[in-house]
Amino acid sequence: MQAIKNFIRNEDGVTAIEYGLIAALIAVALAAVVKTLGGQIKSAFEAVSAQMPAAKP
């Protein structure tokens, strides 16, 4: 019974798990932003690249 109580009170590794969850949340948020804004960013780069040949040095 004492071993079970010690296991429940043991907090080793909790911080690493928390950092892992935070990193996963950031990755999901970043993927959502890229998916949402990807088309707009592509359009902006295409517009800029279309005007580059017309630019004179």
N, C-alpha and C. Protein backbone atom coordinates (compact mmCIF):
# COMPACT_ATOMS: atom_id res chain seq x y z
N MET A 1 0.81 -1.19 0.00
CA MET A 1 0.00 0.00 0.00
C MET A 1 0.87 1.27 0.00
N GLN A 2 1.96 1.20 0.72
CA GLN A 2 2.87 2.36 0.78
C GLN A 2 3.48 2.63 -0.60
N ALA A 3 3.76 1.58 -1.34
CA ALA A 3 4.33 1.75 -2.68
C ALA A 3 3.36 2.49 -3.59
N ILE A 4 2.09 2.20 -3.48
CA ILE A 4 1.09 2.88 -4.31
C ILE A 4 1.01 4.36 -3.94
N LYS A 5 1.04 4.66 -2.65
CA LYS A 5 1.01 6.06 -2.21
C LYS A 5 2.24 6.81 -2.70
N ASN A 6 3.39 6.17 -2.63
CA ASN A 6 4.62 6.80 -3.13
C ASN A 6 4.55 7.03 -4.64
N PHE A 7 3.98 6.09 -5.36
CA PHE A 7 3.86 6.23 -6.81
C PHE A 7 2.96 7.41 -7.17
N ILE A 8 1.86 7.56 -6.44
CA ILE A 8 0.92 8.66 -6.70
C ILE A 8 1.55 10.01 -6.38
N ARG A 9 2.35 10.08 -5.33
CA ARG A 9 3.00 11.33 -4.93
C ARG A 9 4.21 11.69 -5.79
N ASN A 10 4.77 10.72 -6.47
CA ASN A 10 5.98 10.94 -7.26
C ASN A 10 5.66 11.85 -8.45
N GLU A 11 6.38 12.95 -8.56
CA GLU A 11 6.14 13.90 -9.65
C GLU A 11 7.32 13.97 -10.62
N ASP A 12 8.22 13.02 -10.58
CA ASP A 12 9.34 13.01 -11.52
C ASP A 12 8.81 12.83 -12.94
N GLY A 13 9.30 13.63 -13.84
CA GLY A 13 8.91 13.51 -15.24
C GLY A 13 7.67 14.31 -15.60
N VAL A 14 6.99 14.88 -14.63
CA VAL A 14 5.78 15.64 -14.92
C VAL A 14 6.12 16.87 -15.76
N THR A 15 7.21 17.54 -15.44
CA THR A 15 7.60 18.73 -16.19
C THR A 15 7.91 18.40 -17.64
N ALA A 16 8.58 17.29 -17.87
CA ALA A 16 8.88 16.89 -19.24
C ALA A 16 7.60 16.61 -20.02
N ILE A 17 6.64 15.99 -19.38
CA ILE A 17 5.37 15.71 -20.04
C ILE A 17 4.65 17.02 -20.35
N GLU A 18 4.68 17.96 -19.42
CA GLU A 18 4.04 19.26 -19.66
C GLU A 18 4.69 19.98 -20.84
N TYR A 19 6.02 19.96 -20.89
CA TYR A 19 6.70 20.60 -22.02
C TYR A 19 6.35 19.90 -23.33
N GLY A 20 6.22 18.59 -23.30
CA GLY A 20 5.82 17.86 -24.50
C GLY A 20 4.43 18.24 -24.96
N LEU A 21 3.51 18.39 -24.03
CA LEU A 21 2.15 18.80 -24.38
C LEU A 21 2.12 20.21 -24.93
N ILE A 22 2.91 21.10 -24.35
CA ILE A 22 2.98 22.47 -24.86
C ILE A 22 3.55 22.49 -26.27
N ALA A 23 4.60 21.72 -26.52
CA ALA A 23 5.19 21.65 -27.86
C ALA A 23 4.20 21.09 -28.87
N ALA A 24 3.43 20.09 -28.47
CA ALA A 24 2.42 19.52 -29.36
C ALA A 24 1.33 20.55 -29.67
N LEU A 25 0.92 21.31 -28.69
CA LEU A 25 -0.09 22.34 -28.89
C LEU A 25 0.41 23.42 -29.84
N ILE A 26 1.66 23.82 -29.68
CA ILE A 26 2.24 24.82 -30.57
C ILE A 26 2.32 24.28 -32.00
N ALA A 27 2.68 23.02 -32.15
CA ALA A 27 2.76 22.41 -33.48
C ALA A 27 1.39 22.38 -34.15
N VAL A 28 0.36 22.05 -33.40
CA VAL A 28 -1.00 22.01 -33.96
C VAL A 28 -1.44 23.41 -34.36
N ALA A 29 -1.16 24.40 -33.52
CA ALA A 29 -1.52 25.78 -33.84
C ALA A 29 -0.79 26.27 -35.08
N LEU A 30 0.49 25.94 -35.19
CA LEU A 30 1.28 26.34 -36.35
C LEU A 30 0.73 25.69 -37.62
N ALA A 31 0.37 24.43 -37.55
CA ALA A 31 -0.20 23.75 -38.71
C ALA A 31 -1.52 24.39 -39.12
N ALA A 32 -2.33 24.79 -38.16
CA ALA A 32 -3.60 25.44 -38.47
C ALA A 32 -3.38 26.79 -39.14
N VAL A 33 -2.40 27.54 -38.67
CA VAL A 33 -2.10 28.84 -39.27
C VAL A 33 -1.60 28.67 -40.70
N VAL A 34 -0.71 27.72 -40.91
CA VAL A 34 -0.17 27.48 -42.25
C VAL A 34 -1.28 27.04 -43.20
N LYS A 35 -2.17 26.19 -42.73
CA LYS A 35 -3.27 25.73 -43.58
C LYS A 35 -4.21 26.88 -43.91
N THR A 36 -4.46 27.74 -42.94
CA THR A 36 -5.39 28.85 -43.15
C THR A 36 -4.79 29.93 -44.05
N LEU A 37 -3.55 30.29 -43.83
CA LEU A 37 -2.94 31.39 -44.56
C LEU A 37 -2.12 30.95 -45.77
N GLY A 38 -1.98 29.67 -45.98
CA GLY A 38 -1.13 29.17 -47.06
C GLY A 38 -1.52 29.70 -48.43
N GLY A 39 -2.80 29.69 -48.74
CA GLY A 39 -3.27 30.17 -50.04
C GLY A 39 -3.00 31.64 -50.24
N GLN A 40 -3.20 32.43 -49.20
CA GLN A 40 -2.98 33.87 -49.30
C GLN A 40 -1.49 34.18 -49.48
N ILE A 41 -0.66 33.47 -48.79
CA ILE A 41 0.79 33.69 -48.93
C ILE A 41 1.24 33.29 -50.33
N LYS A 42 0.71 32.18 -50.84
CA LYS A 42 1.06 31.74 -52.19
C LYS A 42 0.64 32.79 -53.21
N SER A 43 -0.55 33.35 -53.06
CA SER A 43 -1.03 34.37 -53.98
C SER A 43 -0.14 35.61 -53.95
N ALA A 44 0.29 36.00 -52.77
CA ALA A 44 1.15 37.18 -52.65
C ALA A 44 2.49 36.95 -53.35
N PHE A 45 3.10 35.79 -53.15
CA PHE A 45 4.37 35.50 -53.81
C PHE A 45 4.21 35.39 -55.32
N GLU A 46 3.10 34.84 -55.78
CA GLU A 46 2.86 34.74 -57.22
C GLU A 46 2.69 36.13 -57.84
N ALA A 47 2.02 37.03 -57.14
CA ALA A 47 1.84 38.39 -57.64
C ALA A 47 3.18 39.11 -57.74
N VAL A 48 4.02 38.94 -56.75
CA VAL A 48 5.34 39.58 -56.77
C VAL A 48 6.19 38.99 -57.88
N SER A 49 6.19 37.67 -58.02
CA SER A 49 7.03 37.05 -59.05
C SER A 49 6.53 37.36 -60.45
N ALA A 50 5.24 37.61 -60.61
CA ALA A 50 4.72 37.96 -61.93
C ALA A 50 5.19 39.34 -62.36
N GLN A 51 5.42 40.22 -61.42
CA GLN A 51 5.85 41.57 -61.75
C GLN A 51 7.36 41.71 -61.85
N MET A 52 8.12 40.73 -61.45
CA MET A 52 9.58 40.83 -61.50
C MET A 52 10.12 40.91 -62.93
N PRO A 53 9.64 40.14 -63.88
CA PRO A 53 10.19 40.28 -65.23
C PRO A 53 9.93 41.67 -65.82
N ALA A 54 8.87 42.34 -65.39
CA ALA A 54 8.55 43.66 -65.91
C ALA A 54 9.44 44.74 -65.30
N ALA A 55 10.06 44.46 -64.20
CA ALA A 55 10.92 45.45 -63.55
C ALA A 55 12.21 45.62 -64.34
N LYS A 56 12.64 46.85 -64.48
CA LYS A 56 13.87 47.11 -65.22
C LYS A 56 14.97 47.49 -64.24
N PRO A 57 16.15 46.93 -64.43
CA PRO A 57 17.25 47.23 -63.50
C PRO A 57 17.75 48.65 -63.60
